[in-house]
N, C-alpha and C. Protein backbone atom coordinates (compact mmCIF):
# COMPACT_ATOMS: atom_id res chain seq x y z
N UNK A 1 5.49 0.89 -21.50
CA UNK A 1 4.39 0.32 -22.88
C UNK A 1 3.23 1.24 -23.06
N UNK A 2 3.46 2.33 -22.54
CA UNK A 2 2.48 3.40 -22.89
C UNK A 2 2.38 3.95 -24.14
N UNK A 3 1.62 4.11 -25.25
CA UNK A 3 1.87 4.71 -26.45
C UNK A 3 2.20 6.15 -26.54
N UNK A 4 2.86 6.48 -27.32
CA UNK A 4 3.00 7.96 -27.66
C UNK A 4 1.76 8.72 -27.70
N UNK A 5 1.25 9.64 -27.24
CA UNK A 5 -0.36 10.51 -27.33
C UNK A 5 -0.29 10.88 -28.90
N UNK A 6 -1.67 10.90 -29.32
CA UNK A 6 -1.83 11.51 -30.50
C UNK A 6 -0.91 13.00 -30.98
N UNK A 7 -0.78 13.72 -29.59
CA UNK A 7 -0.49 14.90 -30.01
C UNK A 7 0.94 14.92 -30.37
N UNK A 8 1.57 14.10 -30.16
CA UNK A 8 2.98 13.87 -30.64
C UNK A 8 2.92 13.83 -32.33
N UNK A 9 1.99 12.82 -32.86
CA UNK A 9 1.82 12.97 -34.33
C UNK A 9 1.49 14.03 -34.93
N UNK A 10 0.92 14.97 -34.11
CA UNK A 10 0.32 16.09 -35.02
C UNK A 10 1.22 17.28 -35.15
N UNK A 11 2.41 17.04 -34.41
CA UNK A 11 3.45 18.42 -34.65
C UNK A 11 4.00 18.11 -36.04
N UNK A 12 4.41 19.36 -36.19
CA UNK A 12 5.16 19.33 -37.94
C UNK A 12 5.94 18.16 -37.87
N UNK A 13 5.91 17.73 -39.50
CA UNK A 13 6.55 16.33 -39.64
C UNK A 13 7.83 16.31 -39.54
N UNK A 14 8.57 17.15 -39.81
CA UNK A 14 10.16 17.19 -39.63
C UNK A 14 10.69 17.11 -38.20
N UNK A 15 9.78 18.12 -37.48
CA UNK A 15 9.92 17.99 -36.08
C UNK A 15 9.70 16.49 -35.29
N UNK A 16 8.54 16.10 -35.77
CA UNK A 16 8.29 14.71 -35.53
C UNK A 16 9.36 13.72 -35.78
N UNK A 17 10.03 13.73 -37.02
CA UNK A 17 11.17 13.10 -37.38
C UNK A 17 12.26 13.13 -36.18
N UNK A 18 12.73 14.22 -36.12
CA UNK A 18 13.88 14.33 -35.15
C UNK A 18 13.63 13.57 -33.93
N UNK A 19 12.37 13.73 -33.35
CA UNK A 19 12.02 13.43 -32.01
C UNK A 19 11.50 11.89 -32.08
N UNK A 20 11.26 11.45 -33.27
CA UNK A 20 11.10 9.78 -33.27
C UNK A 20 12.53 9.01 -33.01
N UNK A 21 13.82 9.82 -33.02
CA UNK A 21 14.79 9.08 -32.63
C UNK A 21 15.34 8.90 -31.25
N UNK A 22 15.34 7.68 -31.07
CA UNK A 22 15.35 7.01 -29.59
C UNK A 22 14.26 6.73 -29.10
N UNK A 23 13.14 6.91 -29.60
CA UNK A 23 11.91 6.14 -29.19
C UNK A 23 11.90 4.64 -29.58
N UNK A 24 11.06 3.97 -28.76
CA UNK A 24 10.87 2.57 -29.00
C UNK A 24 9.71 2.20 -29.86
N UNK A 25 9.95 1.02 -30.82
CA UNK A 25 9.13 0.74 -31.86
C UNK A 25 8.79 -0.75 -31.17
N UNK A 26 7.22 -1.20 -30.87
CA UNK A 26 7.17 -2.34 -30.24
C UNK A 26 6.11 -2.76 -30.76
N UNK A 27 6.26 -4.25 -30.86
CA UNK A 27 5.37 -5.15 -31.41
C UNK A 27 5.01 -6.39 -30.77
N UNK A 28 3.49 -6.60 -30.40
CA UNK A 28 3.52 -7.60 -29.61
C UNK A 28 3.11 -8.85 -30.93
N UNK A 29 3.83 -10.03 -30.42
CA UNK A 29 3.31 -11.09 -31.70
C UNK A 29 3.17 -12.27 -30.85
N UNK A 30 1.76 -12.90 -30.57
CA UNK A 30 1.75 -13.81 -29.77
C UNK A 30 1.93 -13.41 -28.23
N UNK A 31 2.68 -14.34 -27.68
CA UNK A 31 3.20 -13.98 -26.26
C UNK A 31 4.46 -13.31 -26.25
N UNK A 32 4.82 -13.12 -27.33
CA UNK A 32 6.40 -12.26 -27.25
C UNK A 32 6.16 -11.09 -27.77
N UNK A 33 7.04 -9.80 -27.19
CA UNK A 33 7.31 -8.76 -27.47
C UNK A 33 8.72 -8.59 -28.13
N UNK A 34 8.43 -7.51 -29.13
CA UNK A 34 9.66 -7.28 -30.14
C UNK A 34 9.84 -5.78 -29.85
N UNK A 35 11.04 -5.41 -29.47
CA UNK A 35 11.08 -3.95 -29.64
C UNK A 35 12.44 -3.43 -29.92
N UNK A 36 12.64 -2.14 -30.37
CA UNK A 36 13.50 -1.65 -30.90
C UNK A 36 13.60 -0.30 -30.64
N UNK A 37 14.83 0.17 -30.90
CA UNK A 37 15.07 2.04 -30.63
C UNK A 37 15.12 2.39 -32.24
N UNK A 38 14.44 3.31 -32.31
CA UNK A 38 14.49 4.10 -33.69
C UNK A 38 15.58 4.73 -33.88
N UNK A 39 16.55 4.59 -34.87
CA UNK A 39 17.63 5.27 -35.03
C UNK A 39 18.01 6.29 -36.20
N UNK A 40 16.78 5.85 -37.25
CA UNK A 40 17.10 6.65 -38.29
C UNK A 40 15.97 6.69 -39.07
N UNK A 41 15.31 7.79 -39.64
CA UNK A 41 14.09 8.36 -40.05
C UNK A 41 14.33 9.34 -41.44
N UNK A 42 13.36 9.59 -42.20
CA UNK A 42 13.38 10.53 -43.03
C UNK A 42 11.77 10.97 -42.87
N UNK A 43 11.74 12.10 -43.21
CA UNK A 43 10.49 13.15 -43.41
C UNK A 43 10.16 13.29 -44.68
N UNK A 44 8.91 13.04 -45.18
CA UNK A 44 7.99 13.52 -46.42
C UNK A 44 7.09 14.16 -45.99
N UNK A 45 6.84 15.65 -46.66
CA UNK A 45 5.63 16.30 -46.44
C UNK A 45 4.77 16.31 -47.75
N UNK A 46 3.77 17.04 -47.30
CA UNK A 46 2.46 17.00 -48.55
C UNK A 46 3.24 17.67 -49.99
N UNK A 47 4.04 18.86 -49.76
CA UNK A 47 4.41 19.55 -51.08
C UNK A 47 6.03 19.31 -51.35
N UNK A 48 6.42 17.76 -50.93
CA UNK A 48 7.39 17.48 -51.38
C UNK A 48 7.79 16.36 -52.70
N UNK A 49 8.09 16.66 -53.58
CA UNK A 49 8.26 15.86 -54.83
C UNK A 49 8.34 14.60 -54.55
N UNK A 50 9.36 14.06 -53.44
CA UNK A 50 9.86 12.94 -53.28
C UNK A 50 8.56 12.12 -52.58
N UNK A 51 7.61 12.75 -52.20
CA UNK A 51 6.48 12.20 -51.13
C UNK A 51 5.63 11.57 -52.00
N UNK A 52 5.07 10.25 -51.54
CA UNK A 52 4.01 9.51 -52.28
C UNK A 52 2.57 10.40 -52.25
N UNK A 53 2.44 11.42 -51.44
CA UNK A 53 1.16 12.39 -51.53
C UNK A 53 1.70 13.64 -52.38
N UNK A 54 2.36 13.68 -53.32
CA UNK A 54 2.91 14.96 -53.67
C UNK A 54 1.42 14.98 -54.93
N UNK A 55 1.23 14.03 -55.48
CA UNK A 55 0.10 14.00 -56.68
C UNK A 55 -1.19 13.92 -56.21
N UNK A 56 -1.27 13.81 -54.74
CA UNK A 56 -2.75 13.63 -54.02
C UNK A 56 -2.91 12.34 -53.68
N UNK A 57 -4.18 12.07 -53.26
CA UNK A 57 -4.63 10.97 -52.48
C UNK A 57 -4.84 9.77 -53.64
N UNK A 58 -4.48 8.67 -53.53
CA UNK A 58 -4.87 7.63 -54.42
C UNK A 58 -5.27 6.37 -53.31
N UNK A 59 -5.27 4.96 -54.00
CA UNK A 59 -5.58 4.00 -52.96
C UNK A 59 -4.57 3.57 -52.42
N UNK A 60 -3.35 3.58 -53.06
CA UNK A 60 -2.14 3.01 -52.47
C UNK A 60 -2.06 3.85 -51.41
N UNK A 61 -1.97 5.33 -51.19
CA UNK A 61 -1.48 6.13 -50.28
C UNK A 61 -2.29 6.70 -49.16
N UNK A 62 -3.55 6.13 -49.45
CA UNK A 62 -4.62 6.71 -48.65
C UNK A 62 -4.42 6.96 -46.90
N UNK A 63 -3.75 5.91 -46.53
CA UNK A 63 -3.35 5.99 -45.06
C UNK A 63 -2.56 7.26 -44.69
N UNK A 64 -1.76 7.85 -45.81
CA UNK A 64 -1.08 8.87 -45.22
C UNK A 64 -2.00 9.93 -45.24
N UNK A 65 -3.01 10.09 -45.66
CA UNK A 65 -4.04 11.38 -45.32
C UNK A 65 -4.81 11.08 -44.12
N UNK A 66 -4.83 10.23 -43.36
CA UNK A 66 -5.47 9.88 -42.09
C UNK A 66 -4.73 10.75 -40.90
N UNK A 67 -5.29 11.12 -39.96
CA UNK A 67 -4.56 12.02 -38.97
C UNK A 67 -3.34 11.29 -38.40
N UNK A 68 -2.53 11.89 -37.83
CA UNK A 68 -1.20 11.56 -37.44
C UNK A 68 -1.61 10.30 -36.60
N UNK A 69 -0.29 9.35 -36.25
CA UNK A 69 -0.50 8.30 -35.53
C UNK A 69 -1.04 6.97 -36.16
N UNK A 70 -1.01 6.81 -37.54
CA UNK A 70 -1.23 5.40 -38.10
C UNK A 70 0.23 5.04 -38.64
N UNK A 71 0.02 3.84 -38.96
CA UNK A 71 1.31 3.15 -39.51
C UNK A 71 0.85 3.04 -41.15
N UNK A 72 1.58 3.71 -42.11
CA UNK A 72 1.42 3.59 -43.49
C UNK A 72 2.61 2.67 -43.98
N UNK A 73 2.32 1.44 -44.38
CA UNK A 73 3.03 0.35 -45.29
C UNK A 73 3.01 0.37 -46.45
N UNK A 74 4.11 0.62 -47.45
CA UNK A 74 3.73 0.02 -48.62
C UNK A 74 4.97 -0.84 -49.58
N UNK A 75 4.75 -1.50 -50.45
CA UNK A 75 5.23 -2.34 -51.16
C UNK A 75 6.17 -1.73 -52.19
N UNK A 76 7.45 -1.96 -52.31
CA UNK A 76 8.49 -1.50 -53.30
C UNK A 76 9.18 -2.62 -53.96
N UNK A 77 9.66 -2.06 -55.20
CA UNK A 77 10.75 -2.73 -55.84
C UNK A 77 10.05 -4.44 -56.33
N UNK A 78 8.95 -4.59 -55.75
CA UNK A 78 8.07 -5.83 -55.96
C UNK A 78 8.56 -6.71 -55.13
N UNK A 79 9.41 -6.45 -53.98
CA UNK A 79 9.83 -7.51 -53.03
C UNK A 79 10.13 -6.84 -51.45
N UNK A 80 9.87 -5.75 -51.31
CA UNK A 80 10.27 -5.32 -49.99
C UNK A 80 9.10 -4.48 -49.61
N UNK A 81 8.78 -4.18 -47.98
CA UNK A 81 7.78 -3.71 -47.38
C UNK A 81 8.82 -2.40 -46.69
N UNK A 82 7.92 -1.00 -46.46
CA UNK A 82 8.71 -0.11 -46.01
C UNK A 82 7.76 0.23 -45.12
N UNK A 83 7.98 1.06 -43.75
CA UNK A 83 6.94 1.46 -42.97
C UNK A 83 7.03 2.87 -42.61
N UNK A 84 6.06 3.47 -42.48
CA UNK A 84 6.22 5.01 -41.95
C UNK A 84 5.09 5.36 -41.02
N UNK A 85 5.33 6.28 -40.13
CA UNK A 85 4.38 6.66 -39.30
C UNK A 85 3.68 8.22 -39.72
N UNK A 86 2.43 8.02 -40.14
CA UNK A 86 1.68 9.16 -40.50
C UNK A 86 1.81 10.54 -39.56
N UNK A 87 1.81 11.71 -40.00
CA UNK A 87 2.30 12.87 -39.26
C UNK A 87 1.03 13.84 -39.73
N UNK A 88 0.81 14.89 -38.73
CA UNK A 88 -0.04 15.92 -39.08
C UNK A 88 -1.56 15.59 -39.12
N UNK A 89 -2.16 16.95 -39.48
CA UNK A 89 -3.80 16.56 -39.52
C UNK A 89 -4.15 15.96 -40.39
N UNK A 90 -5.44 15.13 -40.08
CA UNK A 90 -6.04 14.45 -41.25
C UNK A 90 -6.29 15.20 -42.49
N UNK A 91 -6.08 14.76 -43.72
CA UNK A 91 -6.29 15.24 -44.88
C UNK A 91 -4.67 15.84 -45.86
N UNK A 92 -3.89 15.90 -44.95
CA UNK A 92 -2.63 16.63 -45.30
C UNK A 92 -1.62 15.59 -46.34
N UNK A 93 -1.30 14.53 -45.71
CA UNK A 93 -0.51 13.52 -46.68
C UNK A 93 0.81 13.56 -46.07
N UNK A 94 1.13 13.51 -44.93
CA UNK A 94 2.68 13.58 -44.71
C UNK A 94 2.94 12.15 -43.67
N UNK A 95 4.27 11.95 -43.45
CA UNK A 95 4.65 10.63 -43.01
C UNK A 95 6.18 10.90 -42.66
N UNK A 96 6.64 9.92 -41.69
CA UNK A 96 7.97 9.76 -41.48
C UNK A 96 8.42 8.36 -41.54
N UNK A 97 9.41 7.94 -42.88
CA UNK A 97 9.81 6.56 -42.93
C UNK A 97 10.76 6.03 -41.80
N UNK A 98 10.59 5.11 -41.13
CA UNK A 98 11.74 4.38 -40.50
C UNK A 98 12.44 3.46 -40.99
N UNK A 99 13.80 3.97 -41.27
CA UNK A 99 14.82 3.67 -42.15
C UNK A 99 15.58 2.73 -41.26
N UNK A 100 15.69 2.89 -40.07
CA UNK A 100 16.67 1.89 -39.12
C UNK A 100 16.34 1.72 -37.76
N UNK A 101 16.57 0.78 -37.15
CA UNK A 101 16.34 0.60 -35.73
C UNK A 101 17.44 -0.40 -35.15
N UNK A 102 17.38 -0.29 -33.69
CA UNK A 102 18.43 -0.89 -32.80
C UNK A 102 17.84 -2.06 -32.24
N UNK A 103 17.79 -3.36 -32.43
CA UNK A 103 17.27 -4.46 -31.69
C UNK A 103 17.12 -4.33 -30.33
N UNK A 104 16.30 -4.51 -29.37
CA UNK A 104 16.27 -4.74 -28.12
C UNK A 104 15.98 -6.02 -27.49
N UNK A 105 14.62 -6.10 -27.80
CA UNK A 105 14.09 -7.56 -27.35
C UNK A 105 13.40 -8.20 -28.16
N UNK A 106 13.44 -9.56 -28.20
CA UNK A 106 12.86 -10.41 -29.33
C UNK A 106 13.77 -10.61 -30.69
N UNK A 107 15.00 -10.44 -30.09
CA UNK A 107 16.21 -10.64 -31.27
C UNK A 107 16.28 -12.12 -32.09
N UNK A 108 15.70 -12.97 -31.21
CA UNK A 108 15.79 -14.47 -31.65
C UNK A 108 14.88 -14.63 -32.98
N UNK A 109 13.45 -13.95 -32.73
CA UNK A 109 12.42 -13.66 -33.60
C UNK A 109 12.97 -13.03 -34.92
N UNK A 110 13.59 -11.83 -34.42
CA UNK A 110 13.95 -11.13 -35.79
C UNK A 110 14.79 -11.91 -36.56
N UNK A 111 15.81 -12.49 -35.81
CA UNK A 111 16.82 -13.55 -36.32
C UNK A 111 16.12 -14.29 -37.34
N UNK A 112 15.34 -15.22 -36.93
CA UNK A 112 14.74 -16.11 -37.45
C UNK A 112 13.79 -15.92 -39.01
N UNK A 113 13.52 -14.53 -38.78
CA UNK A 113 12.73 -13.90 -40.10
C UNK A 113 13.74 -13.46 -40.97
N UNK A 114 14.85 -13.15 -40.51
CA UNK A 114 15.87 -12.51 -41.17
C UNK A 114 16.96 -13.56 -42.06
N UNK A 115 17.35 -14.31 -40.91
CA UNK A 115 18.51 -15.27 -41.16
C UNK A 115 18.00 -16.88 -40.78
N UNK A 116 16.88 -17.20 -41.17
CA UNK A 116 16.48 -18.28 -40.98
C UNK A 116 17.47 -19.42 -40.98
N UNK A 117 18.59 -19.90 -41.53
CA UNK A 117 19.59 -20.76 -41.73
C UNK A 117 20.75 -20.46 -40.48
N UNK A 118 20.67 -19.28 -39.77
CA UNK A 118 21.44 -19.10 -38.88
C UNK A 118 20.74 -19.27 -37.40
N UNK A 119 19.87 -19.92 -37.16
CA UNK A 119 18.99 -20.23 -35.73
C UNK A 119 19.09 -21.78 -35.47
N UNK A 120 19.53 -21.72 -34.49
CA UNK A 120 19.65 -23.23 -33.84
C UNK A 120 18.86 -23.45 -32.51
N UNK A 121 18.26 -24.18 -32.43
CA UNK A 121 17.19 -24.54 -31.35
C UNK A 121 16.75 -23.44 -30.73
N UNK A 122 16.29 -22.56 -31.39
CA UNK A 122 15.56 -21.08 -31.09
C UNK A 122 16.62 -20.14 -30.58
N UNK A 123 17.79 -20.42 -30.78
CA UNK A 123 18.74 -18.97 -30.42
C UNK A 123 19.44 -18.84 -31.53
N UNK A 124 19.55 -17.30 -31.64
CA UNK A 124 20.48 -16.83 -32.86
C UNK A 124 21.85 -17.03 -32.96
N UNK A 125 22.62 -17.51 -33.93
CA UNK A 125 24.12 -17.72 -33.80
C UNK A 125 24.36 -16.66 -34.93
N UNK A 126 24.84 -15.60 -34.40
CA UNK A 126 25.20 -14.40 -35.33
C UNK A 126 26.44 -13.70 -34.97
N UNK A 127 27.33 -13.52 -36.09
CA UNK A 127 28.30 -12.70 -35.50
C UNK A 127 27.85 -11.14 -35.86
N UNK A 128 28.85 -10.15 -35.48
CA UNK A 128 28.52 -8.92 -35.23
C UNK A 128 27.94 -8.17 -36.36
N UNK A 129 28.52 -8.57 -37.72
CA UNK A 129 28.04 -8.09 -39.12
C UNK A 129 26.67 -8.47 -39.11
N UNK A 130 26.27 -9.64 -38.84
CA UNK A 130 25.09 -10.47 -39.12
C UNK A 130 23.97 -9.30 -38.22
N UNK A 131 24.39 -9.20 -36.70
CA UNK A 131 23.60 -8.73 -35.91
C UNK A 131 23.32 -7.07 -36.21
N UNK A 132 24.14 -6.77 -36.81
CA UNK A 132 23.74 -5.20 -37.31
C UNK A 132 23.01 -5.39 -38.33
N UNK A 133 22.96 -6.42 -39.03
CA UNK A 133 22.37 -6.76 -40.58
C UNK A 133 20.67 -6.94 -40.31
N UNK A 134 20.54 -7.16 -39.05
CA UNK A 134 19.05 -7.43 -38.80
C UNK A 134 17.87 -6.51 -39.15
N UNK A 135 18.54 -5.24 -38.63
CA UNK A 135 17.40 -4.33 -38.80
C UNK A 135 17.97 -2.60 -39.24
N UNK A 136 19.31 -2.79 -40.24
CA UNK A 136 19.68 -1.75 -40.52
C UNK A 136 19.27 -1.13 -42.21
N UNK A 137 18.09 -1.13 -42.30
CA UNK A 137 17.57 -0.68 -43.43
C UNK A 137 16.00 -0.81 -43.18
N UNK A 138 15.30 0.03 -44.18
CA UNK A 138 13.85 -0.02 -43.94
C UNK A 138 13.13 -1.19 -44.29
N UNK A 139 13.49 -1.90 -45.43
CA UNK A 139 13.09 -3.43 -45.51
C UNK A 139 13.51 -4.48 -44.74
N UNK A 140 14.67 -4.49 -44.16
CA UNK A 140 15.35 -5.25 -43.29
C UNK A 140 14.36 -5.18 -41.73
N UNK A 141 14.30 -3.84 -41.45
CA UNK A 141 13.37 -3.80 -40.39
C UNK A 141 11.74 -4.30 -40.60
N UNK A 142 11.45 -4.03 -41.55
CA UNK A 142 10.23 -4.59 -41.61
C UNK A 142 10.28 -6.12 -41.60
N UNK A 143 11.03 -6.79 -42.51
CA UNK A 143 10.96 -8.26 -42.65
C UNK A 143 11.23 -8.74 -40.95
N UNK A 144 12.18 -8.05 -40.16
CA UNK A 144 12.42 -8.49 -38.88
C UNK A 144 10.97 -8.67 -37.81
N UNK A 145 10.03 -7.49 -38.08
CA UNK A 145 9.28 -7.32 -37.33
C UNK A 145 7.79 -7.98 -37.90
N UNK A 146 7.93 -8.45 -39.16
CA UNK A 146 7.15 -9.29 -39.63
C UNK A 146 5.80 -8.11 -40.24
N UNK A 147 6.26 -6.93 -40.69
CA UNK A 147 5.47 -5.84 -41.08
C UNK A 147 5.03 -5.89 -42.81
N UNK A 148 3.79 -6.36 -42.87
CA UNK A 148 3.36 -6.30 -44.35
C UNK A 148 2.19 -5.41 -44.63
N UNK A 149 1.48 -5.47 -45.69
CA UNK A 149 0.56 -4.86 -45.96
C UNK A 149 -0.67 -5.10 -45.13
N UNK A 150 -0.53 -6.12 -44.38
CA UNK A 150 -1.80 -6.38 -43.34
C UNK A 150 -1.67 -5.21 -42.15
N UNK A 151 -0.40 -4.78 -41.91
CA UNK A 151 -0.33 -3.88 -40.93
C UNK A 151 -0.61 -2.31 -41.49
N UNK A 152 -0.91 -2.19 -42.75
CA UNK A 152 -1.25 -0.78 -43.21
C UNK A 152 -2.20 -0.23 -42.68
N UNK A 153 -2.24 0.90 -42.01
CA UNK A 153 -3.43 1.59 -41.23
C UNK A 153 -3.56 1.58 -39.93
N UNK A 154 -2.92 0.52 -39.44
CA UNK A 154 -3.08 0.17 -37.95
C UNK A 154 -2.82 1.65 -36.99
N UNK A 155 -3.62 1.90 -35.99
CA UNK A 155 -3.44 2.99 -35.10
C UNK A 155 -2.49 2.50 -34.22
N UNK A 156 -1.34 3.59 -33.90
CA UNK A 156 -0.28 3.17 -33.25
C UNK A 156 -0.59 3.60 -31.70
N UNK A 157 -1.78 3.95 -31.55
CA UNK A 157 -2.38 4.28 -30.01
C UNK A 157 -2.90 3.21 -29.62
N UNK A 158 -3.66 2.24 -30.55
CA UNK A 158 -4.35 1.08 -30.03
C UNK A 158 -4.32 -0.04 -30.93
N UNK A 159 -3.38 -0.65 -31.01
CA UNK A 159 -3.07 -1.90 -32.02
C UNK A 159 -1.89 -2.65 -31.47
N UNK A 160 -1.64 -3.86 -32.15
CA UNK A 160 -0.55 -4.62 -31.55
C UNK A 160 0.96 -3.96 -31.91
N UNK A 161 0.79 -2.68 -32.61
CA UNK A 161 2.09 -2.06 -32.59
C UNK A 161 1.80 -1.00 -32.19
N UNK A 162 2.82 -0.13 -31.34
CA UNK A 162 2.82 0.93 -30.61
C UNK A 162 4.34 1.64 -30.79
N UNK A 163 4.39 2.86 -30.42
CA UNK A 163 5.65 3.51 -30.34
C UNK A 163 5.79 4.30 -28.90
N UNK A 164 6.67 4.00 -28.21
CA UNK A 164 6.90 4.67 -26.76
C UNK A 164 8.06 5.61 -26.55
N UNK A 165 7.87 6.19 -25.35
CA UNK A 165 9.12 6.93 -25.01
C UNK A 165 10.31 6.05 -24.90
N UNK A 166 11.20 6.72 -25.23
CA UNK A 166 12.48 5.56 -25.10
C UNK A 166 13.86 6.40 -24.64
N UNK A 167 14.76 6.36 -25.07
CA UNK A 167 15.94 7.13 -24.46
C UNK A 167 15.95 8.44 -25.41
N UNK A 168 16.34 9.66 -24.24
CA UNK A 168 16.60 10.93 -24.73
C UNK A 168 18.21 10.88 -25.47
N UNK A 169 18.10 11.37 -26.61
CA UNK A 169 19.20 11.52 -27.49
C UNK A 169 19.56 13.05 -27.75
N UNK A 170 20.91 13.25 -27.25
CA UNK A 170 21.28 14.56 -27.14
C UNK A 170 21.65 15.09 -28.27
N UNK A 171 21.02 16.42 -28.50
CA UNK A 171 21.04 17.36 -30.05
C UNK A 171 22.21 17.01 -30.70
N UNK A 172 23.46 17.23 -29.99
CA UNK A 172 24.76 17.03 -30.66
C UNK A 172 24.96 15.59 -31.11
N UNK A 173 23.86 14.49 -31.07
CA UNK A 173 24.47 13.38 -31.57
C UNK A 173 23.30 13.17 -32.50
N UNK A 174 22.26 13.85 -33.09
CA UNK A 174 21.33 13.88 -34.02
C UNK A 174 22.12 14.42 -35.30
N UNK A 175 22.22 13.81 -36.25
CA UNK A 175 22.84 14.12 -37.71
C UNK A 175 21.45 14.26 -38.54
N UNK A 176 21.83 15.34 -39.83
CA UNK A 176 21.14 14.91 -40.62
C UNK A 176 21.49 15.46 -42.14
N UNK A 177 20.79 14.92 -43.21
CA UNK A 177 21.36 14.60 -44.55
C UNK A 177 20.34 14.76 -45.45
N UNK A 178 20.70 14.45 -46.71
CA UNK A 178 19.64 14.54 -47.82
C UNK A 178 19.12 12.85 -47.78
N UNK A 179 17.88 12.86 -48.20
CA UNK A 179 17.24 11.34 -48.12
C UNK A 179 17.84 10.40 -49.02
N UNK A 180 17.80 9.31 -48.87
CA UNK A 180 18.32 8.30 -49.58
C UNK A 180 17.52 7.51 -50.60
N UNK A 181 18.04 7.16 -51.79
CA UNK A 181 17.17 6.59 -52.78
C UNK A 181 16.11 7.47 -53.36
N UNK A 182 16.02 8.81 -53.52
CA UNK A 182 15.16 9.38 -54.21
C UNK A 182 15.86 10.29 -55.41
N UNK A 183 15.11 10.78 -56.18
CA UNK A 183 15.53 11.83 -57.57
C UNK A 183 15.13 12.94 -57.09
N UNK A 184 14.09 13.37 -56.54
CA UNK A 184 13.80 14.59 -56.41
C UNK A 184 13.79 15.10 -54.61
N UNK A 185 13.77 16.32 -54.60
CA UNK A 185 13.97 16.95 -53.30
C UNK A 185 15.38 16.67 -52.58
N UNK A 186 16.31 16.36 -53.26
CA UNK A 186 17.41 15.95 -52.81
C UNK A 186 17.96 17.32 -52.18
N UNK A 187 17.39 18.58 -52.04
CA UNK A 187 18.13 19.33 -51.44
C UNK A 187 17.49 19.43 -49.95
N UNK A 188 16.69 18.88 -49.60
CA UNK A 188 16.21 18.82 -48.34
C UNK A 188 17.08 17.75 -47.42
N UNK A 189 17.12 18.53 -46.31
CA UNK A 189 18.06 17.77 -45.25
C UNK A 189 16.95 17.26 -44.35
N UNK A 190 16.26 16.19 -44.76
CA UNK A 190 15.18 15.54 -43.72
C UNK A 190 15.40 13.98 -43.33
N UNK A 191 16.72 13.89 -43.59
CA UNK A 191 17.19 12.57 -43.09
C UNK A 191 17.81 12.69 -41.95
N UNK A 192 17.40 11.85 -40.64
CA UNK A 192 17.78 12.03 -39.17
C UNK A 192 18.21 10.88 -38.67
N UNK A 193 19.43 10.78 -38.18
CA UNK A 193 20.14 9.74 -37.58
C UNK A 193 20.81 10.01 -36.49
N UNK A 194 21.17 8.91 -35.50
CA UNK A 194 22.10 8.83 -34.37
C UNK A 194 23.49 8.88 -34.61
N UNK A 195 24.42 9.57 -34.42
CA UNK A 195 25.69 9.65 -34.89
C UNK A 195 26.08 8.70 -33.98
N UNK A 196 27.07 7.63 -34.85
CA UNK A 196 27.79 6.49 -34.11
C UNK A 196 27.06 5.32 -33.93
N UNK A 197 25.59 5.39 -34.09
CA UNK A 197 25.13 4.20 -33.92
C UNK A 197 25.26 2.97 -35.02
N UNK A 198 25.91 1.95 -34.84
CA UNK A 198 26.03 0.98 -35.82
C UNK A 198 24.97 0.34 -36.93
N UNK A 199 23.56 0.92 -36.21
CA UNK A 199 22.48 0.21 -37.07
C UNK A 199 22.15 1.24 -37.85
N UNK A 200 23.01 2.48 -38.16
CA UNK A 200 22.21 3.49 -39.11
C UNK A 200 22.62 2.68 -40.62
N UNK A 201 21.56 3.11 -41.56
CA UNK A 201 21.87 2.32 -42.86
C UNK A 201 23.11 2.55 -43.43
N UNK A 202 23.17 3.95 -43.40
CA UNK A 202 24.32 4.41 -44.30
C UNK A 202 25.19 5.51 -43.43
N UNK A 203 26.30 5.65 -43.40
CA UNK A 203 26.97 6.45 -42.62
C UNK A 203 27.27 7.75 -43.22
C-alpha cells in the first residue's frame, strides 16, 4: 500500500505511461478498499494538439499544470468523468489518461456502481461479459471507482487514492497504437496496453 514516489511521475510522460501498465490503482472508500491493475493508458504532452493543455492553462485544465503525481479529472460528453495522472514538472501541463483497469478487490462495490440491478444481497451476479464491462473504458473505470470532480486535484502520494507498485509487465506484452476518440495527433503512437488482457477497451 506504499504509493509510488514523486520521482515516478516526474519522468517523461510517454515513458511514465508505459510504466503505469501493471501498477495498482487503489482507492480507500470507508472501511473498504478498491484495487485494480492498470491495463491501458494514453499519454498527452503539452505540445500535443489532442491535449487539454495545448492552448494553455485554463480553469478546467489547471490541475494538469501541477507537478506530477496529482489526479486530473474532467467531465466529457455531458455525462462521463475521465481520470488522468499528471506527469512532469510543475507548469508544463502533461498527463496520462487511464483508459482501462482490471478489477482486483472491491468488485462487489464496483458492480453496484456499474450494474445496480445485477446485485443481490451485496454480491455481484455477473456473467463474463458483464465482469469485463465493469472497467474496460475510461468512463466505466471512473464510475466503478466513484471518481468525480470531487477527486480532481488529489495528490496521489497522500490521499484516499494512490497508485502502487503492481505486476511487472514483460516488454513483449506491451502494445502501442494511436489514441482513441481524438481528431488531432493521430500519428502519435501514445496509447499503451497489455496484450491479451480482456479489460483493454479496444483490441
